[in-house]
Amino acid sequence: MADRHLAPDTPELRARWGAFAWTAENAAKAREVVARYPEGRQRSAVMPLLDLAQRQVGAETSTQGWLPIPVMEYVAHYLAMPVIRVVEVATFYTMYNLVPVGRFHVQVCGTTPCMLRGSDDIMAACKAKGMKKGHTSADGLWTLTEVECMGNCASAPMVQINDDNYEDLTAADMTRILDDLAAGRQPKTGTQAPGRHTVEPLGGPTSLAAMVDANHDYRGEW
């Protein structure tokens, strides 16, 4: 599981992020987000606003983004809520990065279905590219994290890299995907299994096969 801790609140951190404020584009987005909630419930916007703030930090640093303490304070002030409440949300949900990450945040699922389907090989492919679990590479390109289930058990093993999922992976698939990203190319997302679109059975359905092309009433056959 990812190690969760806040980056130290240093003078250097304050110098870099203490003046954080929405860009003009994100200020408009923030107003739109807050307007979705009833009067008096604006604090419910904390999660989408933290995501927006993280993405703004990412755009400024050419990374996936993270949430320095001054940025969380800005969101708290924007929503008129205690800073500790914002920190509680940010530290609970692993979608928020609490420390700086690289340009590509590679999150490898290590839960049982992925492990049984070869997640150790996927992790080894990442390490072969110089990644170390829980660390960002020296060139700032990769951050490698092992995470718990991300809900793609039927197409295990899988990884999430920034906003994209890659599923039905082999070590060779993982190496190719990493090479493409490093070269500035966008690899195919989703399943990597030939002939598979989502999570339908490879080779075609094994039950209710008559429903593939037309509606079929099975009731008389059961």
C-alpha atoms as a PDB file:
ATOM      1  CA  MET A   1       0.000   0.000   0.000  1.00  0.00           C
ATOM      2  CA  ALA A   2       1.168   3.544  -0.696  1.00  0.00           C
ATOM      3  CA  ASP A   3       2.973   5.272   2.175  1.00  0.00           C
ATOM      4  CA  ARG A   4       0.839   8.287   3.087  1.00  0.00           C
ATOM      5  CA  HIS A   5       2.518  11.290   4.679  1.00  0.00           C
ATOM      6  CA  LEU A   6       2.466  15.037   4.175  1.00  0.00           C
ATOM      7  CA  ALA A   7       5.458  16.814   2.699  1.00  0.00           C
ATOM      8  CA  PRO A   8       7.230  18.847   5.407  1.00  0.00           C
ATOM      9  CA  ASP A   9       5.956  22.414   5.739  1.00  0.00           C
ATOM     10  CA  THR A  10       9.300  24.123   5.132  1.00  0.00           C
ATOM     11  CA  PRO A  11      10.158  27.751   4.307  1.00  0.00           C
ATOM     12  CA  GLU A  12      11.120  26.547   0.834  1.00  0.00           C
ATOM     13  CA  LEU A  13       7.678  24.998   0.390  1.00  0.00           C
ATOM     14  CA  ARG A  14       6.042  28.237   1.515  1.00  0.00           C
ATOM     15  CA  ALA A  15       8.206  30.262  -0.853  1.00  0.00           C
ATOM     16  CA  ARG A  16       7.169  28.098  -3.795  1.00  0.00           C
ATOM     17  CA  TRP A  17       3.473  27.539  -3.064  1.00  0.00           C
ATOM     18  CA  GLY A  18       2.440  30.146  -0.494  1.00  0.00           C
ATOM     19  CA  ALA A  19       1.003  32.426  -3.187  1.00  0.00           C
ATOM     20  CA  PHE A  20      -0.966  29.682  -4.933  1.00  0.00           C
ATOM     21  CA  ALA A  21      -4.197  30.895  -6.534  1.00  0.00           C
ATOM     22  CA  TRP A  22      -6.485  29.630  -9.250  1.00  0.00           C
ATOM     23  CA  THR A  23      -5.598  30.424 -12.811  1.00  0.00           C
ATOM     24  CA  ALA A  24      -8.309  32.345 -14.637  1.00  0.00           C
ATOM     25  CA  GLU A  25      -9.483  29.125 -16.302  1.00  0.00           C
ATOM     26  CA  ASN A  26      -9.526  27.155 -13.066  1.00  0.00           C
ATOM     27  CA  ALA A  27     -11.231  30.000 -11.188  1.00  0.00           C
ATOM     28  CA  ALA A  28     -14.134  29.651 -13.607  1.00  0.00           C
ATOM     29  CA  LYS A  29     -14.131  25.876 -13.144  1.00  0.00           C
ATOM     30  CA  ALA A  30     -14.066  26.261  -9.362  1.00  0.00           C
ATOM     31  CA  ARG A  31     -17.094  28.568  -9.413  1.00  0.00           C
ATOM     32  CA  GLU A  32     -18.910  26.086 -11.632  1.00  0.00           C
ATOM     33  CA  VAL A  33     -18.103  23.220  -9.253  1.00  0.00           C
ATOM     34  CA  VAL A  34     -19.239  25.094  -6.133  1.00  0.00           C
ATOM     35  CA  ALA A  35     -22.469  26.131  -7.860  1.00  0.00           C
ATOM     36  CA  ARG A  36     -23.500  22.476  -8.145  1.00  0.00           C
ATOM     37  CA  TYR A  37     -24.154  22.312  -4.404  1.00  0.00           C
ATOM     38  CA  PRO A  38     -27.082  23.801  -2.438  1.00  0.00           C
ATOM     39  CA  GLU A  39     -26.592  26.983  -0.461  1.00  0.00           C
ATOM     40  CA  GLY A  40     -24.813  26.169   2.781  1.00  0.00           C
ATOM     41  CA  ARG A  41     -23.335  22.958   1.364  1.00  0.00           C
ATOM     42  CA  GLN A  42     -20.454  24.465  -0.578  1.00  0.00           C
ATOM     43  CA  ARG A  43     -17.910  22.523   1.494  1.00  0.00           C
ATOM     44  CA  SER A  44     -19.100  19.407  -0.340  1.00  0.00           C
ATOM     45  CA  ALA A  45     -17.028  20.693  -3.269  1.00  0.00           C
ATOM     46  CA  VAL A  46     -13.787  19.952  -1.426  1.00  0.00           C
ATOM     47  CA  MET A  47     -12.991  16.769  -3.360  1.00  0.00           C
ATOM     48  CA  PRO A  48     -13.356  18.148  -6.900  1.00  0.00           C
ATOM     49  CA  LEU A  49     -11.536  21.328  -5.869  1.00  0.00           C
ATOM     50  CA  LEU A  50      -8.626  19.363  -4.433  1.00  0.00           C
ATOM     51  CA  ASP A  51      -8.454  17.466  -7.717  1.00  0.00           C
ATOM     52  CA  LEU A  52      -8.516  20.746  -9.631  1.00  0.00           C
ATOM     53  CA  ALA A  53      -5.760  22.170  -7.431  1.00  0.00           C
ATOM     54  CA  GLN A  54      -3.629  19.060  -7.873  1.00  0.00           C
ATOM     55  CA  ARG A  55      -4.011  19.299 -11.645  1.00  0.00           C
ATOM     56  CA  GLN A  56      -3.017  22.970 -11.587  1.00  0.00           C
ATOM     57  CA  VAL A  57       0.108  22.104  -9.601  1.00  0.00           C
ATOM     58  CA  GLY A  58       0.785  19.366 -12.141  1.00  0.00           C
ATOM     59  CA  ALA A  59       0.439  21.785 -15.032  1.00  0.00           C
ATOM     60  CA  GLU A  60       2.895  24.162 -13.347  1.00  0.00           C
ATOM     61  CA  THR A  61       5.450  21.431 -12.626  1.00  0.00           C
ATOM     62  CA  SER A  62       4.990  19.181 -15.689  1.00  0.00           C
ATOM     63  CA  THR A  63       4.084  16.280 -13.401  1.00  0.00           C
ATOM     64  CA  GLN A  64       0.907  14.504 -12.394  1.00  0.00           C
ATOM     65  CA  GLY A  65       0.580  17.026  -9.602  1.00  0.00           C
ATOM     66  CA  TRP A  66       0.395  16.955  -5.811  1.00  0.00           C
ATOM     67  CA  LEU A  67      -1.027  18.922  -2.878  1.00  0.00           C
ATOM     68  CA  PRO A  68       1.434  21.033  -0.877  1.00  0.00           C
ATOM     69  CA  ILE A  69       0.085  22.221   2.470  1.00  0.00           C
ATOM     70  CA  PRO A  70      -0.270  25.864   1.281  1.00  0.00           C
ATOM     71  CA  VAL A  71      -2.407  24.643  -1.616  1.00  0.00           C
ATOM     72  CA  MET A  72      -4.676  22.757   0.781  1.00  0.00           C
ATOM     73  CA  GLU A  73      -4.885  25.915   2.887  1.00  0.00           C
ATOM     74  CA  TYR A  74      -5.958  27.842  -0.204  1.00  0.00           C
ATOM     75  CA  VAL A  75      -8.756  25.352  -0.899  1.00  0.00           C
ATOM     76  CA  ALA A  76      -9.823  25.519   2.751  1.00  0.00           C
ATOM     77  CA  HIS A  77      -9.971  29.314   2.632  1.00  0.00           C
ATOM     78  CA  TYR A  78     -11.845  29.210  -0.676  1.00  0.00           C
ATOM     79  CA  LEU A  79     -14.532  27.006   0.895  1.00  0.00           C
ATOM     80  CA  ALA A  80     -14.455  28.700   4.311  1.00  0.00           C
ATOM     81  CA  MET A  81     -13.696  25.463   6.107  1.00  0.00           C
ATOM     82  CA  PRO A  82     -11.038  24.452   8.653  1.00  0.00           C
ATOM     83  CA  VAL A  83      -7.735  23.438   7.086  1.00  0.00           C
ATOM     84  CA  ILE A  84      -7.705  20.204   9.098  1.00  0.00           C
ATOM     85  CA  ARG A  85     -10.940  19.109   7.369  1.00  0.00           C
ATOM     86  CA  VAL A  86      -9.317  19.565   3.972  1.00  0.00           C
ATOM     87  CA  VAL A  87      -6.210  17.704   5.109  1.00  0.00           C
ATOM     88  CA  GLU A  88      -8.398  14.865   6.389  1.00  0.00           C
ATOM     89  CA  VAL A  89      -9.928  14.439   2.931  1.00  0.00           C
ATOM     90  CA  ALA A  90      -6.601  14.704   1.109  1.00  0.00           C
ATOM     91  CA  THR A  91      -4.902  12.147   3.331  1.00  0.00           C
ATOM     92  CA  PHE A  92      -7.788   9.670   3.186  1.00  0.00           C
ATOM     93  CA  TYR A  93      -8.146   9.332  -0.587  1.00  0.00           C
ATOM     94  CA  THR A  94      -5.154   7.995  -2.479  1.00  0.00           C
ATOM     95  CA  MET A  95      -6.183   9.881  -5.623  1.00  0.00           C
ATOM     96  CA  TYR A  96      -4.495  12.861  -3.979  1.00  0.00           C
ATOM     97  CA  ASN A  97      -0.700  12.938  -3.971  1.00  0.00           C
ATOM     98  CA  LEU A  98       0.713  14.288  -0.731  1.00  0.00           C
ATOM     99  CA  VAL A  99       4.316  14.546  -1.914  1.00  0.00           C
ATOM    100  CA  PRO A 100       5.816  15.492  -5.283  1.00  0.00           C
ATOM    101  CA  VAL A 101       5.492  12.846  -7.989  1.00  0.00           C
ATOM    102  CA  GLY A 102       6.966  12.439 -11.430  1.00  0.00           C
ATOM    103  CA  ARG A 103       5.581  13.206 -14.831  1.00  0.00           C
ATOM    104  CA  PHE A 104       4.064   9.720 -14.879  1.00  0.00           C
ATOM    105  CA  HIS A 105       2.670   8.204 -11.681  1.00  0.00           C
ATOM    106  CA  VAL A 106       2.726   4.436 -12.224  1.00  0.00           C
ATOM    107  CA  GLN A 107       0.370   2.707  -9.786  1.00  0.00           C
ATOM    108  CA  VAL A 108       0.639  -1.071  -9.884  1.00  0.00           C
ATOM    109  CA  CYS A 109      -2.187  -3.064  -8.331  1.00  0.00           C
ATOM    110  CA  GLY A 110      -0.853  -5.777  -6.053  1.00  0.00           C
ATOM    111  CA  THR A 111      -4.143  -7.137  -4.697  1.00  0.00           C
ATOM    112  CA  THR A 112      -4.885 -10.874  -4.983  1.00  0.00           C
ATOM    113  CA  PRO A 113      -6.461 -11.069  -8.506  1.00  0.00           C
ATOM    114  CA  CYS A 114      -3.668  -8.993 -10.031  1.00  0.00           C
ATOM    115  CA  MET A 115      -1.030 -10.846  -8.021  1.00  0.00           C
ATOM    116  CA  LEU A 116      -2.328 -14.224  -9.218  1.00  0.00           C
ATOM    117  CA  ARG A 117      -2.331 -12.932 -12.804  1.00  0.00           C
ATOM    118  CA  GLY A 118       1.247 -11.671 -12.735  1.00  0.00           C
ATOM    119  CA  SER A 119       1.517  -8.290 -11.024  1.00  0.00           C
ATOM    120  CA  ASP A 120       4.973  -9.283  -9.765  1.00  0.00           C
ATOM    121  CA  ASP A 121       6.117  -9.444 -13.393  1.00  0.00           C
ATOM    122  CA  ILE A 122       4.594  -6.001 -14.019  1.00  0.00           C
ATOM    123  CA  MET A 123       6.432  -4.601 -11.013  1.00  0.00           C
ATOM    124  CA  ALA A 124       9.661  -6.212 -12.239  1.00  0.00           C
ATOM    125  CA  ALA A 125       9.206  -4.542 -15.643  1.00  0.00           C
ATOM    126  CA  CYS A 126       8.909  -1.188 -13.899  1.00  0.00           C
ATOM    127  CA  LYS A 127      12.007  -1.823 -11.810  1.00  0.00           C
ATOM    128  CA  ALA A 128      13.892  -2.798 -14.959  1.00  0.00           C
ATOM    129  CA  LYS A 129      13.302   0.788 -16.130  1.00  0.00           C
ATOM    130  CA  GLY A 130      15.033   2.077 -13.007  1.00  0.00           C
ATOM    131  CA  MET A 131      11.935   2.642 -10.901  1.00  0.00           C
ATOM    132  CA  LYS A 132      11.902   2.004  -7.170  1.00  0.00           C
ATOM    133  CA  LYS A 133       8.674   1.464  -5.283  1.00  0.00           C
ATOM    134  CA  GLY A 134       7.709   4.528  -3.309  1.00  0.00           C
ATOM    135  CA  HIS A 135      10.203   6.792  -5.050  1.00  0.00           C
ATOM    136  CA  THR A 136      10.480   9.162  -7.996  1.00  0.00           C
ATOM    137  CA  SER A 137      13.205   8.505 -10.548  1.00  0.00           C
ATOM    138  CA  ALA A 138      16.179  10.874 -10.657  1.00  0.00           C
ATOM    139  CA  ASP A 139      15.075  12.266 -14.011  1.00  0.00           C
ATOM    140  CA  GLY A 140      11.625  13.105 -12.615  1.00  0.00           C
ATOM    141  CA  LEU A 141       9.893  10.933 -15.200  1.00  0.00           C
ATOM    142  CA  TRP A 142       8.449   8.131 -13.064  1.00  0.00           C
ATOM    143  CA  THR A 143       6.943   7.631  -9.638  1.00  0.00           C
ATOM    144  CA  LEU A 144       6.194   4.001  -8.765  1.00  0.00           C
ATOM    145  CA  THR A 145       3.538   3.078  -6.219  1.00  0.00           C
ATOM    146  CA  GLU A 146       2.013  -0.270  -5.298  1.00  0.00           C
ATOM    147  CA  VAL A 147      -1.683   0.163  -4.544  1.00  0.00           C
ATOM    148  CA  GLU A 148      -4.676  -1.870  -3.499  1.00  0.00           C
ATOM    149  CA  CYS A 149      -7.554  -2.933  -5.757  1.00  0.00           C
ATOM    150  CA  MET A 150      -8.566  -0.400  -8.398  1.00  0.00           C
ATOM    151  CA  GLY A 151     -11.558  -2.371  -9.636  1.00  0.00           C
ATOM    152  CA  ASN A 152     -10.251  -4.063 -12.773  1.00  0.00           C
ATOM    153  CA  CYS A 153     -10.123  -7.588 -11.358  1.00  0.00           C
ATOM    154  CA  ALA A 154     -11.712  -9.150 -14.474  1.00  0.00           C
ATOM    155  CA  SER A 155      -8.884  -7.779 -16.620  1.00  0.00           C
ATOM    156  CA  ALA A 156      -5.989  -8.279 -14.224  1.00  0.00           C
ATOM    157  CA  PRO A 157      -3.166  -7.492 -13.958  1.00  0.00           C
ATOM    158  CA  MET A 158      -3.552  -3.774 -14.393  1.00  0.00           C
ATOM    159  CA  VAL A 159      -1.848  -0.490 -13.688  1.00  0.00           C
ATOM    160  CA  GLN A 160      -3.026   3.106 -13.600  1.00  0.00           C
ATOM    161  CA  ILE A 161      -0.679   5.699 -15.071  1.00  0.00           C
ATOM    162  CA  ASN A 162      -1.909   9.220 -14.384  1.00  0.00           C
ATOM    163  CA  ASP A 163      -5.542   9.158 -15.574  1.00  0.00           C
ATOM    164  CA  ASP A 164      -5.329   6.028 -17.743  1.00  0.00           C
ATOM    165  CA  ASN A 165      -5.768   2.333 -16.979  1.00  0.00           C
ATOM    166  CA  TYR A 166      -3.858  -0.433 -18.752  1.00  0.00           C
ATOM    167  CA  GLU A 167      -5.216  -3.955 -18.305  1.00  0.00           C
ATOM    168  CA  ASP A 168      -4.584  -7.617 -19.240  1.00  0.00           C
ATOM    169  CA  LEU A 169      -0.898  -6.823 -19.021  1.00  0.00           C
ATOM    170  CA  THR A 170       2.177  -8.898 -19.613  1.00  0.00           C
ATOM    171  CA  ALA A 171       5.681  -7.789 -18.728  1.00  0.00           C
ATOM    172  CA  ALA A 172       6.294  -7.151 -22.444  1.00  0.00           C
ATOM    173  CA  ASP A 173       3.148  -4.996 -22.626  1.00  0.00           C
ATOM    174  CA  MET A 174       4.304  -2.985 -19.637  1.00  0.00           C
ATOM    175  CA  THR A 175       7.740  -2.407 -21.114  1.00  0.00           C
ATOM    176  CA  ARG A 176       6.213  -1.250 -24.404  1.00  0.00           C
ATOM    177  CA  ILE A 177       3.805   1.125 -22.640  1.00  0.00           C
ATOM    178  CA  LEU A 178       6.600   2.671 -20.590  1.00  0.00           C
ATOM    179  CA  ASP A 179       8.782   3.060 -23.693  1.00  0.00           C
ATOM    180  CA  ASP A 180       5.925   4.780 -25.534  1.00  0.00           C
ATOM    181  CA  LEU A 181       5.266   7.203 -22.687  1.00  0.00           C
ATOM    182  CA  ALA A 182       8.952   8.040 -22.308  1.00  0.00           C
ATOM    183  CA  ALA A 183       9.127   8.766 -26.043  1.00  0.00           C
ATOM    184  CA  GLY A 184       6.108  11.080 -25.924  1.00  0.00           C
ATOM    185  CA  ARG A 185       3.730   8.620 -27.569  1.00  0.00           C
ATOM    186  CA  GLN A 186       0.286   7.714 -26.237  1.00  0.00           C
ATOM    187  CA  PRO A 187      -0.066   3.934 -25.912  1.00  0.00           C
ATOM    188  CA  LYS A 188      -3.403   2.202 -26.270  1.00  0.00           C
ATOM    189  CA  THR A 189      -5.333   2.378 -23.016  1.00  0.00           C
ATOM    190  CA  GLY A 190      -7.597  -0.276 -21.503  1.00  0.00           C
ATOM    191  CA  THR A 191      -7.139  -3.954 -22.247  1.00  0.00           C
ATOM    192  CA  GLN A 192      -3.975  -5.014 -24.049  1.00  0.00           C
ATOM    193  CA  ALA A 193      -5.312  -8.487 -24.890  1.00  0.00           C
ATOM    194  CA  PRO A 194      -5.693  -9.026 -28.672  1.00  0.00           C
ATOM    195  CA  GLY A 195      -9.325  -9.345 -29.703  1.00  0.00           C
ATOM    196  CA  ARG A 196     -10.715  -8.108 -26.407  1.00  0.00           C
ATOM    197  CA  HIS A 197     -12.662  -4.854 -26.206  1.00  0.00           C
ATOM    198  CA  THR A 198     -13.440  -4.567 -22.505  1.00  0.00           C
ATOM    199  CA  VAL A 199     -13.848  -7.530 -20.142  1.00  0.00           C
ATOM    200  CA  GLU A 200     -15.886  -9.886 -22.315  1.00  0.00           C
ATOM    201  CA  PRO A 201     -14.584 -13.498 -22.388  1.00  0.00           C
ATOM    202  CA  LEU A 202     -11.675 -14.107 -24.720  1.00  0.00           C
ATOM    203  CA  GLY A 203     -12.916 -16.213 -27.645  1.00  0.00           C
ATOM    204  CA  GLY A 204     -16.519 -15.141 -27.223  1.00  0.00           C
ATOM    205  CA  PRO A 205     -19.228 -15.594 -24.580  1.00  0.00           C
ATOM    206  CA  THR A 206     -19.485 -18.859 -22.704  1.00  0.00           C
ATOM    207  CA  SER A 207     -23.107 -18.348 -21.634  1.00  0.00           C
ATOM    208  CA  LEU A 208     -26.182 -16.655 -23.143  1.00  0.00           C
ATOM    209  CA  ALA A 209     -24.411 -16.894 -26.494  1.00  0.00           C
ATOM    210  CA  ALA A 210     -27.675 -16.533 -28.422  1.00  0.00           C
ATOM    211  CA  MET A 211     -28.010 -13.011 -27.029  1.00  0.00           C
ATOM    212  CA  VAL A 212     -24.955 -11.729 -28.889  1.00  0.00           C
ATOM    213  CA  ASP A 213     -26.700 -10.787 -32.145  1.00  0.00           C
ATOM    214  CA  ALA A 214     -30.374 -10.689 -31.175  1.00  0.00           C
ATOM    215  CA  ASN A 215     -32.745 -10.887 -28.254  1.00  0.00           C
ATOM    216  CA  HIS A 216     -33.370 -14.515 -27.315  1.00  0.00           C
ATOM    217  CA  ASP A 217     -35.943 -15.809 -24.842  1.00  0.00           C
ATOM    218  CA  TYR A 218     -34.296 -18.514 -22.766  1.00  0.00           C
ATOM    219  CA  ARG A 219     -37.234 -19.029 -20.413  1.00  0.00           C
ATOM    220  CA  GLY A 220     -38.534 -22.102 -22.179  1.00  0.00           C
ATOM    221  CA  GLU A 221     -35.106 -23.717 -22.049  1.00  0.00           C
ATOM    222  CA  TRP A 222     -34.554 -23.411 -18.316  1.00  0.00           C
END
